[in-house]
């Protein structure tokens, strides 16, 4: 029997015995969904990242000795026709692509035995700088492309709820620098020219101003005013604590709810809306004498008027129409209520889904960089960092919530992985790109001792960051 297999069986038996003796078998079984979700999540992200490096290296004719998913000892490997070893390694926290280099040939001649003269000639460091930079950048680029693909797929297969943030109430202590102030039912359209639609948008945009002192400009729509209104709020050391950063809008002094716009999504065939001529994407402005601001207003009016003829004022692609509709009815809790036969929110085309996927990837990448900068300056709490335990917990929770939430988390972490790898830290892709830039400016590489010192420092920094993230994970359970 294979030695590694013997060890695995022995560990399994010991673990099972311990679980039985300590009555913790149920707890261990409860961890399995989290571990599986974590393995799938990290496996996909790492594979995509390393495949980016691998495919561009192969396009540049650089020989790849090993493509490994995981770190440490290899427990499974297979070779392709080019002599590349595809491996699964014991520690599932990362991966790597090992390329042939001049230094490797010099220091470990035994490791390159069997390679052809052509492969030995096409080392990584023999390639032009633009090719080396392309190979390094390809990993993060692959993660960005994965995020765009996931977001596009999610948006294509879900309804756009067409929500808008609406002010419920505003604290009297808000420091306004404009003549206007927040009023109930104000629709928030943008913050400092950045469009906001839901809780994620509001929180991300306000969080990006953590530690900021100055003026925040809110563009709002108010039913009593024809044109959008600018409301300017003065803040000093905005969101100074981790607690305040959990609810940015609440800290600022406004309570917000998220309401669906009165935009018709699907129309039930044969229903009251269909027979009355309502179509998908119609915007309902008025029903009878009732002004309509949100989808809930339509539900309320229709529900109170079963078997009634009502006139709908709608906006159809810029044209105002008046449609007489006979409201249907159904029994609900022994009470007859009106039924229209529509759903709200709209479907997205592939083009709309793709463009939104690109924007989401770009926007979240920028926000990730901003948040990293704010952690470094102390304007944002470092307890927001998560290590493998925290990621495993998120992976398990989202996997149990459903496929799309799990994929959304994968897209978010793919962006984080890409952005972090582009930071100018040695041993990361961004650090190697920085050294290539220095080499291009100097006209030659840095001295070997200097490079070794830089790489060692980078490795120590990454290790410290990992330890700190794991400490954060553990402290959440204490």
Protein backbone atom coordinates (compact mmCIF):
# COMPACT_ATOMS: atom_id res chain seq x y z
CA UNK A 1 0.00 0.00 0.00
CA UNK A 2 1.19 3.54 -0.79
CA UNK A 3 2.88 5.19 2.25
CA UNK A 4 0.85 8.39 1.92
CA UNK A 5 -2.34 6.36 1.76
CA UNK A 6 -1.36 4.52 4.96
CA UNK A 7 -0.76 7.82 6.75
CA UNK A 8 -4.09 9.18 5.55
CA UNK A 9 -5.97 6.07 6.77
CA UNK A 10 -4.19 6.19 10.15
CA UNK A 11 -5.04 9.86 10.65
CA UNK A 12 -8.67 9.19 9.67
CA UNK A 13 -8.97 6.33 12.20
CA UNK A 14 -7.39 8.37 15.00
CA UNK A 15 -9.59 11.37 14.17
CA UNK A 16 -12.73 9.23 14.14
CA UNK A 17 -11.82 7.65 17.49
CA UNK A 18 -11.16 11.06 19.05
CA UNK A 19 -14.44 12.43 17.71
CA UNK A 20 -16.30 9.42 19.15
CA UNK A 21 -14.62 9.66 22.56
CA UNK A 22 -15.26 13.38 22.90
CA UNK A 23 -18.84 13.29 21.56
CA UNK A 24 -17.84 15.84 18.92
CA UNK A 25 -18.72 13.81 15.84
CA UNK A 26 -21.80 15.95 15.16
CA UNK A 27 -19.71 19.12 15.36
CA UNK A 28 -17.12 17.72 12.97
CA UNK A 29 -19.85 16.68 10.52
CA UNK A 30 -21.29 20.20 10.68
CA UNK A 31 -17.93 21.55 9.47
CA UNK A 32 -17.92 19.43 6.32
CA UNK A 33 -20.10 21.82 4.21
CA UNK A 34 -17.82 24.70 5.18
CA UNK A 35 -14.66 22.79 4.33
CA UNK A 36 -16.05 21.59 1.01
CA UNK A 37 -17.25 25.08 0.07
CA UNK A 38 -13.87 26.52 1.07
CA UNK A 39 -12.03 23.91 -1.02
CA UNK A 40 -14.18 24.60 -4.09
CA UNK A 41 -13.92 28.37 -3.66
CA UNK A 42 -10.17 28.50 -3.16
CA UNK A 43 -9.57 25.76 -5.72
CA UNK A 44 -11.34 27.68 -8.48
CA UNK A 45 -9.74 31.04 -7.62
CA UNK A 46 -6.21 29.64 -7.41
CA UNK A 47 -6.59 27.49 -10.53
CA UNK A 48 -7.84 30.44 -12.58
CA UNK A 49 -5.07 32.69 -11.26
CA UNK A 50 -2.27 30.22 -11.94
CA UNK A 51 -3.76 29.26 -15.29
CA UNK A 52 -3.39 32.91 -16.32
CA UNK A 53 0.35 32.74 -15.60
CA UNK A 54 0.61 29.31 -17.19
CA UNK A 55 -1.13 30.00 -20.49
CA UNK A 56 0.75 33.24 -21.17
CA UNK A 57 4.06 31.59 -20.22
CA UNK A 58 3.32 28.85 -22.73
CA UNK A 59 2.38 31.43 -25.37
CA UNK A 60 5.79 33.02 -24.78
CA UNK A 61 7.48 29.57 -25.11
CA UNK A 62 8.66 29.55 -21.50
CA UNK A 63 8.84 26.00 -20.17
CA UNK A 64 6.65 25.44 -17.10
CA UNK A 65 8.04 22.70 -14.88
CA UNK A 66 5.12 22.50 -12.45
CA UNK A 67 1.56 23.82 -12.22
CA UNK A 68 0.54 23.22 -8.60
CA UNK A 69 -2.76 23.76 -6.85
CA UNK A 70 -1.87 23.99 -3.17
CA UNK A 71 1.49 24.34 -1.47
CA UNK A 72 3.88 21.93 0.22
CA UNK A 73 4.29 18.19 -0.49
CA UNK A 74 2.76 16.89 -3.73
CA UNK A 75 0.27 14.02 -3.29
CA UNK A 76 -0.89 13.75 -6.90
CA UNK A 77 0.80 14.61 -10.18
CA UNK A 78 0.41 14.08 -13.89
CA UNK A 79 2.57 15.16 -16.85
CA UNK A 80 1.40 16.56 -20.18
CA UNK A 81 3.10 16.11 -23.54
CA UNK A 82 5.24 19.21 -22.97
CA UNK A 83 6.73 17.76 -19.78
CA UNK A 84 4.81 20.06 -17.43
CA UNK A 85 3.87 18.47 -14.10
CA UNK A 86 0.30 19.23 -12.99
CA UNK A 87 0.18 18.68 -9.24
CA UNK A 88 -2.13 18.76 -6.24
CA UNK A 89 -0.26 19.68 -3.07
CA UNK A 90 -1.03 19.08 0.58
CA UNK A 91 -1.67 22.61 1.88
CA UNK A 92 -4.78 24.05 0.13
CA UNK A 93 -3.79 27.70 0.65
CA UNK A 94 -2.54 28.91 -2.70
CA UNK A 95 -0.70 27.51 -5.67
CA UNK A 96 2.14 28.30 -8.04
CA UNK A 97 3.54 27.98 -11.55
CA UNK A 98 7.22 27.00 -11.57
CA UNK A 99 8.99 28.22 -14.73
CA UNK A 100 12.47 27.38 -15.95
CA UNK A 101 14.98 30.16 -15.20
CA UNK A 102 18.71 30.68 -15.77
CA UNK A 103 19.29 30.68 -12.01
CA UNK A 104 17.53 27.32 -11.68
CA UNK A 105 19.70 25.82 -14.43
CA UNK A 106 22.80 27.15 -12.69
CA UNK A 107 21.93 26.15 -9.11
CA UNK A 108 19.99 22.92 -9.68
CA UNK A 109 21.26 21.31 -12.90
CA UNK A 110 19.77 17.97 -11.81
CA UNK A 111 16.25 19.40 -11.86
CA UNK A 112 16.44 20.30 -15.56
CA UNK A 113 17.75 16.99 -16.82
CA UNK A 114 15.70 15.67 -19.71
CA UNK A 115 14.76 19.11 -21.00
CA UNK A 116 15.46 19.81 -24.65
CA UNK A 117 17.95 22.43 -25.81
CA UNK A 118 15.02 24.51 -27.02
CA UNK A 119 13.37 24.43 -23.57
CA UNK A 120 16.67 25.31 -21.83
CA UNK A 121 17.08 28.25 -24.18
CA UNK A 122 13.57 29.61 -23.54
CA UNK A 123 13.95 30.51 -19.87
CA UNK A 124 11.72 33.08 -18.15
CA UNK A 125 14.53 35.58 -17.65
CA UNK A 126 15.70 35.29 -21.27
CA UNK A 127 12.44 36.77 -22.50
CA UNK A 128 11.89 40.47 -23.26
CA UNK A 129 10.63 42.56 -20.37
CA UNK A 130 7.17 42.98 -21.92
CA UNK A 131 6.74 39.21 -22.12
CA UNK A 132 7.85 38.72 -18.50
CA UNK A 133 5.50 41.51 -17.41
CA UNK A 134 2.67 39.90 -19.40
CA UNK A 135 3.25 36.56 -17.67
CA UNK A 136 3.19 38.21 -14.24
CA UNK A 137 0.11 40.32 -14.97
CA UNK A 138 -1.80 37.39 -16.51
CA UNK A 139 -2.63 35.87 -13.10
CA UNK A 140 -4.49 38.91 -11.70
CA UNK A 141 -6.02 39.54 -15.14
CA UNK A 142 -7.47 36.01 -15.12
CA UNK A 143 -9.11 36.76 -11.76
CA UNK A 144 -10.58 40.02 -13.08
CA UNK A 145 -11.97 38.15 -16.10
CA UNK A 146 -13.43 35.47 -13.82
CA UNK A 147 -15.24 38.17 -11.82
CA UNK A 148 -16.63 39.76 -14.99
CA UNK A 149 -17.83 36.34 -16.18
CA UNK A 150 -19.49 35.54 -12.83
CA UNK A 151 -21.15 38.95 -12.51
CA UNK A 152 -22.38 38.81 -16.11
CA UNK A 153 -23.87 35.34 -15.51
CA UNK A 154 -25.56 36.45 -12.27
CA UNK A 155 -27.03 39.62 -13.81
CA UNK A 156 -28.21 37.73 -16.89
CA UNK A 157 -30.06 35.19 -14.76
CA UNK A 158 -31.61 37.49 -12.18
CA UNK A 159 -34.16 40.28 -12.32
CA UNK A 160 -32.92 43.84 -11.88
CA UNK A 161 -35.07 44.93 -8.91
CA UNK A 162 -34.74 48.60 -9.89
CA UNK A 163 -34.42 49.68 -6.26
CA UNK A 164 -33.75 53.20 -5.06
CA UNK A 165 -32.54 54.33 -1.60
CA UNK A 166 -35.27 56.34 0.12
CA UNK A 167 -34.83 58.51 3.20
CA UNK A 168 -37.16 57.45 6.02
CA UNK A 169 -35.94 60.04 8.51
CA UNK A 170 -32.99 62.36 9.09
CA UNK A 171 -31.31 63.38 12.34
CA UNK A 172 -31.65 67.03 13.28
CA UNK A 173 -27.95 67.14 14.12
CA UNK A 174 -26.74 66.72 10.51
CA UNK A 175 -24.46 69.62 9.51
CA UNK A 176 -25.78 70.92 6.17
CA UNK A 177 -23.76 73.34 4.04
CA UNK A 178 -26.58 73.73 1.52
CA UNK A 179 -29.93 75.45 1.83
CA UNK A 180 -31.68 72.10 1.40
CA UNK A 181 -31.85 69.26 3.91
CA UNK A 182 -33.04 65.65 3.82
CA UNK A 183 -36.78 65.05 3.99
CA UNK A 184 -38.73 61.78 4.27
CA UNK A 185 -39.25 60.05 0.89
CA UNK A 186 -36.24 61.72 -0.73
CA UNK A 187 -34.75 59.33 -3.30
CA UNK A 188 -30.94 59.31 -3.15
CA UNK A 189 -29.57 59.16 -6.69
CA UNK A 190 -25.83 59.65 -6.16
CA UNK A 191 -23.13 60.52 -3.63
CA UNK A 192 -20.38 62.80 -4.94
CA UNK A 193 -21.42 61.95 -8.53
CA UNK A 194 -21.30 58.17 -7.93
CA UNK A 195 -24.66 56.54 -8.70
CA UNK A 196 -26.16 54.48 -5.86
CA UNK A 197 -29.04 52.00 -6.09
CA UNK A 198 -28.91 49.64 -3.15
CA UNK A 199 -27.45 49.05 0.30
CA UNK A 200 -24.16 47.78 -1.15
CA UNK A 201 -23.69 50.94 -3.22
CA UNK A 202 -24.51 53.27 -0.33
CA UNK A 203 -22.25 51.48 2.16
CA UNK A 204 -19.29 51.12 -0.23
CA UNK A 205 -19.43 54.76 -1.26
CA UNK A 206 -19.73 56.11 2.28
CA UNK A 207 -17.02 53.72 3.54
CA UNK A 208 -14.64 55.08 0.92
CA UNK A 209 -14.81 58.40 2.82
CA UNK A 210 -13.79 56.94 6.20
CA UNK A 211 -11.51 59.44 7.92
CA UNK A 212 -12.59 62.20 5.49
CA UNK A 213 -13.21 65.77 6.57
CA UNK A 214 -15.06 67.95 4.10
CA UNK A 215 -18.27 67.98 2.13
CA UNK A 216 -20.42 65.09 0.86
CA UNK A 217 -22.76 65.98 -2.00
CA UNK A 218 -26.01 63.98 -2.24
CA UNK A 219 -28.14 64.24 -5.36
CA UNK A 220 -31.76 63.47 -4.47
CA UNK A 221 -35.09 63.34 -6.24
CA UNK A 222 -38.11 64.80 -4.44
CA UNK A 223 -41.69 64.36 -5.62
CA UNK A 224 -42.54 68.04 -4.95
CA UNK A 225 -39.63 69.32 -7.06
CA UNK A 226 -39.24 68.72 -10.78
CA UNK A 227 -35.42 68.70 -10.96
CA UNK A 228 -32.98 66.70 -8.76
CA UNK A 229 -31.77 68.53 -5.67
CA UNK A 230 -28.22 68.84 -4.28
CA UNK A 231 -27.92 68.33 -0.53
CA UNK A 232 -24.47 69.03 0.89
CA UNK A 233 -23.38 67.63 4.25
CA UNK A 234 -20.25 68.62 6.16
CA UNK A 235 -18.38 65.80 7.94
CA UNK A 236 -15.33 65.80 10.19
CA UNK A 237 -13.24 62.63 10.62
CA UNK A 238 -16.09 60.65 9.05
CA UNK A 239 -16.64 57.07 10.29
CA UNK A 240 -13.79 57.14 12.85
CA UNK A 241 -14.44 53.74 14.47
CA UNK A 242 -15.03 50.17 13.35
CA UNK A 243 -18.46 50.31 14.97
CA UNK A 244 -19.48 53.38 12.95
CA UNK A 245 -18.24 51.69 9.76
CA UNK A 246 -20.79 48.89 10.16
CA UNK A 247 -23.68 51.32 9.45
CA UNK A 248 -22.30 54.37 7.60
CA UNK A 249 -25.67 55.97 6.79
CA UNK A 250 -26.93 55.51 10.34
CA UNK A 251 -23.74 57.11 11.71
CA UNK A 252 -24.26 60.08 9.42
CA UNK A 253 -27.78 60.47 10.78
CA UNK A 254 -30.15 59.17 8.12
CA UNK A 255 -32.38 56.09 8.09
CA UNK A 256 -32.74 54.57 4.63
CA UNK A 257 -35.00 51.93 3.14
CA UNK A 258 -34.68 50.46 -0.33
CA UNK A 259 -37.81 50.65 -2.46
CA UNK A 260 -38.57 49.11 -5.85
CA UNK A 261 -39.37 51.55 -8.62
CA UNK A 262 -42.86 51.23 -10.22
CA UNK A 263 -41.47 49.58 -13.36
CA UNK A 264 -43.46 46.67 -14.78
CA UNK A 265 -41.38 43.52 -15.18
CA UNK A 266 -43.27 40.49 -16.46
CA UNK A 267 -46.95 40.66 -17.42
CA UNK A 268 -49.02 37.55 -16.70
CA UNK A 269 -50.62 36.31 -19.89
CA UNK A 270 -54.40 36.72 -19.75
CA UNK A 271 -54.29 38.74 -16.52
CA UNK A 272 -55.81 42.15 -15.89
CA UNK A 273 -52.61 44.00 -16.86
CA UNK A 274 -52.24 41.99 -20.08
CA UNK A 275 -55.85 42.58 -21.10
CA UNK A 276 -55.51 46.28 -20.28
CA UNK A 277 -52.41 46.73 -22.45
CA UNK A 278 -49.64 47.08 -19.86
CA UNK A 279 -46.22 45.99 -21.14
CA UNK A 280 -42.85 45.13 -19.65
CA UNK A 281 -40.74 48.25 -18.79
CA UNK A 282 -43.81 50.51 -18.50
CA UNK A 283 -43.35 53.01 -15.66
CA UNK A 284 -46.55 53.57 -13.68
CA UNK A 285 -47.00 57.24 -12.73
CA UNK A 286 -50.57 57.36 -11.45
CA UNK A 287 -53.53 55.04 -10.82
CA UNK A 288 -56.86 56.83 -10.67
CA UNK A 289 -56.28 59.79 -8.37
CA UNK A 290 -53.31 58.17 -6.56
CA UNK A 291 -49.77 59.25 -7.46
CA UNK A 292 -47.36 56.33 -7.70
CA UNK A 293 -43.78 56.55 -6.46
CA UNK A 294 -42.89 52.91 -5.76
CA UNK A 295 -44.00 49.38 -6.63
CA UNK A 296 -45.58 49.09 -3.16
CA UNK A 297 -47.91 51.97 -4.05
CA UNK A 298 -49.23 49.97 -7.02
CA UNK A 299 -49.81 46.90 -4.83
CA UNK A 300 -51.68 48.99 -2.24
CA UNK A 301 -54.02 50.69 -4.73
CA UNK A 302 -54.72 47.51 -6.71
CA UNK A 303 -55.29 45.41 -3.58
CA UNK A 304 -57.91 47.88 -2.29
CA UNK A 305 -59.84 47.91 -5.58
CA UNK A 306 -60.93 44.40 -6.63
CA UNK A 307 -63.24 44.19 -9.67
CA UNK A 308 -62.81 47.92 -10.30
CA UNK A 309 -62.00 49.85 -13.49
CA UNK A 310 -58.97 52.10 -12.90
CA UNK A 311 -57.10 54.43 -15.22
CA UNK A 312 -53.31 53.91 -15.30
CA UNK A 313 -51.07 56.79 -16.30
CA UNK A 314 -47.83 55.30 -17.60
CA UNK A 315 -44.55 56.33 -19.20
CA UNK A 316 -43.70 54.02 -22.11
CA UNK A 317 -40.30 54.89 -23.59
CA UNK A 318 -40.88 58.61 -22.99
CA UNK A 319 -44.50 58.64 -24.21
CA UNK A 320 -47.29 59.29 -21.67
CA UNK A 321 -50.26 56.91 -22.08
CA UNK A 322 -53.57 56.47 -20.22
CA UNK A 323 -54.82 52.88 -20.02
CA UNK A 324 -58.20 51.82 -18.56
CA UNK A 325 -57.67 48.50 -16.74
CA UNK A 326 -60.24 46.25 -15.12
CA UNK A 327 -58.65 44.99 -11.91
CA UNK A 328 -59.07 41.28 -11.22
CA UNK A 329 -59.71 39.71 -7.83
CA UNK A 330 -58.85 36.76 -5.63
CA UNK A 331 -59.66 35.57 -2.12
CA UNK A 332 -56.92 36.23 0.41
CA UNK A 333 -57.50 35.28 4.08
CA UNK A 334 -61.28 35.35 3.53
CA UNK A 335 -61.04 38.84 2.02
CA UNK A 336 -61.40 39.74 -1.66
CA UNK A 337 -58.38 41.70 -2.92
CA UNK A 338 -57.51 43.20 -6.27
CA UNK A 339 -55.05 41.47 -8.62
CA UNK A 340 -53.15 43.09 -11.51
CA UNK A 341 -51.06 40.16 -12.81
CA UNK A 342 -47.58 41.69 -12.98
CA UNK A 343 -44.19 41.33 -11.37
CA UNK A 344 -41.76 44.18 -10.84
CA UNK A 345 -38.15 44.62 -11.87
CA UNK A 346 -36.76 44.08 -15.36
CA UNK A 347 -34.68 41.48 -17.16
CA UNK A 348 -31.26 42.45 -18.47
CA UNK A 349 -29.93 41.77 -21.97
CA UNK A 350 -26.51 40.16 -22.40
CA UNK A 351 -25.01 43.54 -23.30
CA UNK A 352 -26.48 45.17 -20.19
CA UNK A 353 -25.35 42.26 -18.01
CA UNK A 354 -21.82 42.33 -19.42
CA UNK A 355 -21.40 46.10 -19.07
CA UNK A 356 -22.71 45.95 -15.50
CA UNK A 357 -20.34 43.04 -14.81
CA UNK A 358 -17.39 45.08 -16.08
CA UNK A 359 -18.46 48.10 -14.03
CA UNK A 360 -18.95 46.06 -10.85
CA UNK A 361 -15.49 44.51 -11.25
CA UNK A 362 -13.90 47.93 -11.82
CA UNK A 363 -15.81 49.63 -9.00
CA UNK A 364 -15.09 46.91 -6.43
CA UNK A 365 -11.41 46.84 -7.45
CA UNK A 366 -11.12 50.59 -6.84
CA UNK A 367 -12.97 50.29 -3.53
CA UNK A 368 -10.70 47.42 -2.45
CA UNK A 369 -7.63 49.58 -3.10
CA UNK A 370 -9.20 52.48 -1.21
CA UNK A 371 -10.01 50.27 1.78
CA UNK A 372 -6.48 48.85 1.85
CA UNK A 373 -5.13 52.41 1.86
CA UNK A 374 -7.47 53.38 4.69
CA UNK A 375 -6.37 50.36 6.74
CA UNK A 376 -2.75 51.43 6.28
CA UNK A 377 -3.54 55.00 7.37
CA UNK A 378 -5.63 53.79 10.30
CA UNK A 379 -8.90 55.25 8.99
CA UNK A 380 -10.44 51.80 8.70
CA UNK A 381 -10.28 48.99 11.23
CA UNK A 382 -7.89 46.14 10.37
CA UNK A 383 -10.32 43.70 12.00
CA UNK A 384 -12.06 43.76 8.63
CA UNK A 385 -9.27 41.50 7.33
CA UNK A 386 -10.23 37.84 7.06
CA UNK A 387 -7.96 34.81 6.84
CA UNK A 388 -8.71 31.24 5.76
CA UNK A 389 -11.04 30.58 8.71
CA UNK A 390 -13.16 33.63 7.98
CA UNK A 391 -13.23 32.84 4.26
CA UNK A 392 -14.25 29.24 4.99
CA UNK A 393 -17.10 30.51 7.17
CA UNK A 394 -18.29 32.91 4.46
CA UNK A 395 -17.98 30.17 1.83
CA UNK A 396 -20.07 27.74 3.88
CA UNK A 397 -22.74 30.32 4.71
CA UNK A 398 -23.14 31.50 1.11
CA UNK A 399 -23.10 27.93 -0.25
CA UNK A 400 -25.99 27.08 2.06
CA UNK A 401 -27.80 30.26 0.99
CA UNK A 402 -27.70 29.14 -2.65
CA UNK A 403 -25.62 28.88 -5.80
CA UNK A 404 -25.81 32.54 -6.82
CA UNK A 405 -24.74 33.95 -3.40
CA UNK A 406 -21.81 31.51 -3.42
CA UNK A 407 -20.81 32.64 -6.94
CA UNK A 408 -21.13 36.28 -5.88
CA UNK A 409 -18.70 35.65 -3.02
CA UNK A 410 -16.35 33.95 -5.47
CA UNK A 411 -16.41 37.05 -7.69
CA UNK A 412 -15.69 39.33 -4.72
CA UNK A 413 -12.77 37.20 -3.54
CA UNK A 414 -11.46 36.90 -7.10
CA UNK A 415 -11.28 40.71 -7.24
CA UNK A 416 -9.56 40.81 -3.83
CA UNK A 417 -7.03 38.19 -4.96
CA UNK A 418 -6.28 40.13 -8.14
CA UNK A 419 -5.90 43.48 -6.37
CA UNK A 420 -3.76 42.08 -3.54
CA UNK A 421 -1.47 40.33 -6.03
CA UNK A 422 -0.92 43.61 -7.87
CA UNK A 423 0.34 45.39 -4.75
CA UNK A 424 4.06 46.23 -5.07
CA UNK A 425 5.11 43.65 -2.49
CA UNK A 426 7.99 41.31 -3.44
CA UNK A 427 6.96 37.64 -3.89
CA UNK A 428 3.59 38.90 -5.20
CA UNK A 429 2.96 39.57 -8.89
CA UNK A 430 2.90 43.32 -8.30
CA UNK A 431 6.30 43.17 -6.61
CA UNK A 432 7.82 41.35 -9.55
CA UNK A 433 6.26 43.84 -11.96
CA UNK A 434 7.79 46.63 -9.86
CA UNK A 435 11.23 45.00 -10.05
CA UNK A 436 10.82 44.67 -13.82
CA UNK A 437 10.04 48.40 -13.99
CA UNK A 438 13.17 49.14 -11.92
CA UNK A 439 15.18 46.91 -14.28
CA UNK A 440 13.78 48.79 -17.29
CA UNK A 441 14.74 52.15 -15.74
CA UNK A 442 18.25 51.00 -14.66
CA UNK A 443 18.89 49.08 -17.84
CA UNK A 444 19.91 46.03 -15.80
CA UNK A 445 18.56 43.94 -12.90
CA UNK A 446 19.24 44.86 -9.27
CA UNK A 447 22.23 43.13 -7.65
CA UNK A 448 21.39 39.58 -6.58
CA UNK A 449 21.96 40.30 -2.88
CA UNK A 450 19.59 43.26 -3.03
CA UNK A 451 16.92 41.19 -4.81
CA UNK A 452 17.27 38.39 -2.26
CA UNK A 453 16.90 40.87 0.60
CA UNK A 454 13.80 42.41 -1.03
CA UNK A 455 12.18 39.01 -1.63
CA UNK A 456 12.91 37.90 1.94
CA UNK A 457 11.36 41.09 3.30
CA UNK A 458 8.31 40.60 1.08
CA UNK A 459 7.88 37.01 2.23
CA UNK A 460 8.08 38.07 5.89
CA UNK A 461 5.51 40.83 5.28
CA UNK A 462 3.08 38.44 3.58
CA UNK A 463 3.53 35.89 6.36
CA UNK A 464 2.87 38.54 9.03
CA UNK A 465 -0.26 39.64 7.15
CA UNK A 466 -1.48 36.03 7.02
CA UNK A 467 -0.84 35.53 10.74
CA UNK A 468 -2.69 38.75 11.54
CA UNK A 469 -5.66 37.71 9.37
CA UNK A 470 -5.81 34.31 11.09
CA UNK A 471 -5.63 36.08 14.48
CA UNK A 472 -8.64 38.17 13.41
CA UNK A 473 -10.51 35.01 12.45
CA UNK A 474 -9.81 33.34 15.77
CA UNK A 475 -10.66 36.46 17.82
CA UNK A 476 -14.15 36.49 16.29
CA UNK A 477 -14.86 33.14 17.93
CA UNK A 478 -13.51 34.07 21.37
